[in-house]
Amino acid sequence: MNGMRTLLPLLLATLLLGCDSAPSPESSAPGGTVRVAERMSAQPQPGFKRADRPHEFDFPADHGAHPDYATEWWYFTGNLATDTGRPFGYQLTLFRVGLVAGEPADDSPLRSNQLYMGHLAITDVEAQRHHHAERFSRAAAGLAGAQTRPLKIWLGSWTIAGAGMNDTFPVSLRAETNDLEIALTLEQSSKPRVLQGDAGLSRKSAEPGNASYYYSYTRLPTRGRLRIGDAWYEARGNSWFDREWSSSALGPDQAGWDWFSLQLQDGRDLMFYRMRDKQGEAQRFSQGVLVSSDGQVTPLDLENTRLQALRHWRSEISGIRYPIGWRLQIPHHQIDLRIDAALPDQEMNLSVRYWEGVVNVSGSHSGIGYLEMSGYSASP
């Protein structure tokens, strides 16, 4: 989000830089699990472009990879339900990480300067269980990659695929492990694509280039199947698709972010991310959008948006204390929302650790959505 929507891959670039052997297509976390913010202040390797000026977007080309930049991601989250009303949330994210700029030596078909990482998660709200998994591969020998005609981003059998040579939608999402699986179709929305920030240039901190090129599809009708263990569920609902690429990093005074994507029952969609300094205070780079039911976009910032943490939960695994109940207010639009995690434990304990999961919305408006949090410490 993200505003920040996740600069997590910069961490992996540091962990895996210099590896000459190809990681297995599916593996455990390289180097163990760490917090995102521990390495986010590191600068990218020299030679990558920075997001430091407006971008002339070109579709479908910009749905594909941008190897001149250090990192990018295709980020899907969604809230679905079965015909009986049983609610689920899902996340599928594919990240591309440029380990070093330029083309690799051609002495081996397995050598690549590009790494792909994937995160898959399903939240079973009724069972109060959050399931998540991860995999990696270099972009070599057909193991992982991205193309635009037809649109396809893949990491082994995990795929994001468009409809044909010239059509992005419908998009199909496929990903599976021994314990989890999604097979979903996302239709085009009547709402247009949203360019976040300044016409798609989303600044994260004061340093020029600490920014991303960022666009979103905020409400994509979704249907398909989910599997947890041996149990399959037919479900439908809406998804949110965030797309970003950059070579940026957190500024030295920044700790992390809180990112909200909400779909309200009155047809409006709301995204807001709060950038936090190391004292926990919101920074002026916090921003978002309110998208009307007919697609009109209103920018949000700290001048017109108030955000307050109301309750917390501490992870037994990491010891990190996360705010899982919030109040979000936009007085000019008569919006006063209570945002609560559908279940407290939706922590992603993978090669990078963060909290991401389903939230319920009440107050002046009802709805549902997703929340992502990073940069919180286990220390008091």
Foldseek 3Di string as FASTA:
>chain_A
DVQCVDPQVVVVLVQCQPDFAKDDLFDFFRPFEDFSQVCQQDFAAPQADFLQDDDDDDPPVQVFDDLSFFKKKKKKKWWKAFPVGFIKIKIKMKMKGQSHDDADDPPDQQDGRIKIKIKIWMQRLVVLDIDIGMGITGPGPPQFGFDVQPGWGDHHQFIWTADGRHGRPQIWTWDDDQFKIWTKTWGADLADKAQPDPNQWQADDDDRRQTKRKIKDQWTWMWGWMGGNHDIGTIIGTMMIMIITGRHGDHPQWQWKKWWWWQFPQQKIWIWMFTAGPVGDGDQSTWIWIAHNNHDIDIGTPVQKDKDQDDWDADPVALFIDRFWMWMDRVVVPDTKIKGFSHRPQWDRGNYTWHKDKIWIDDPTTTITMMIIGRTHSDD
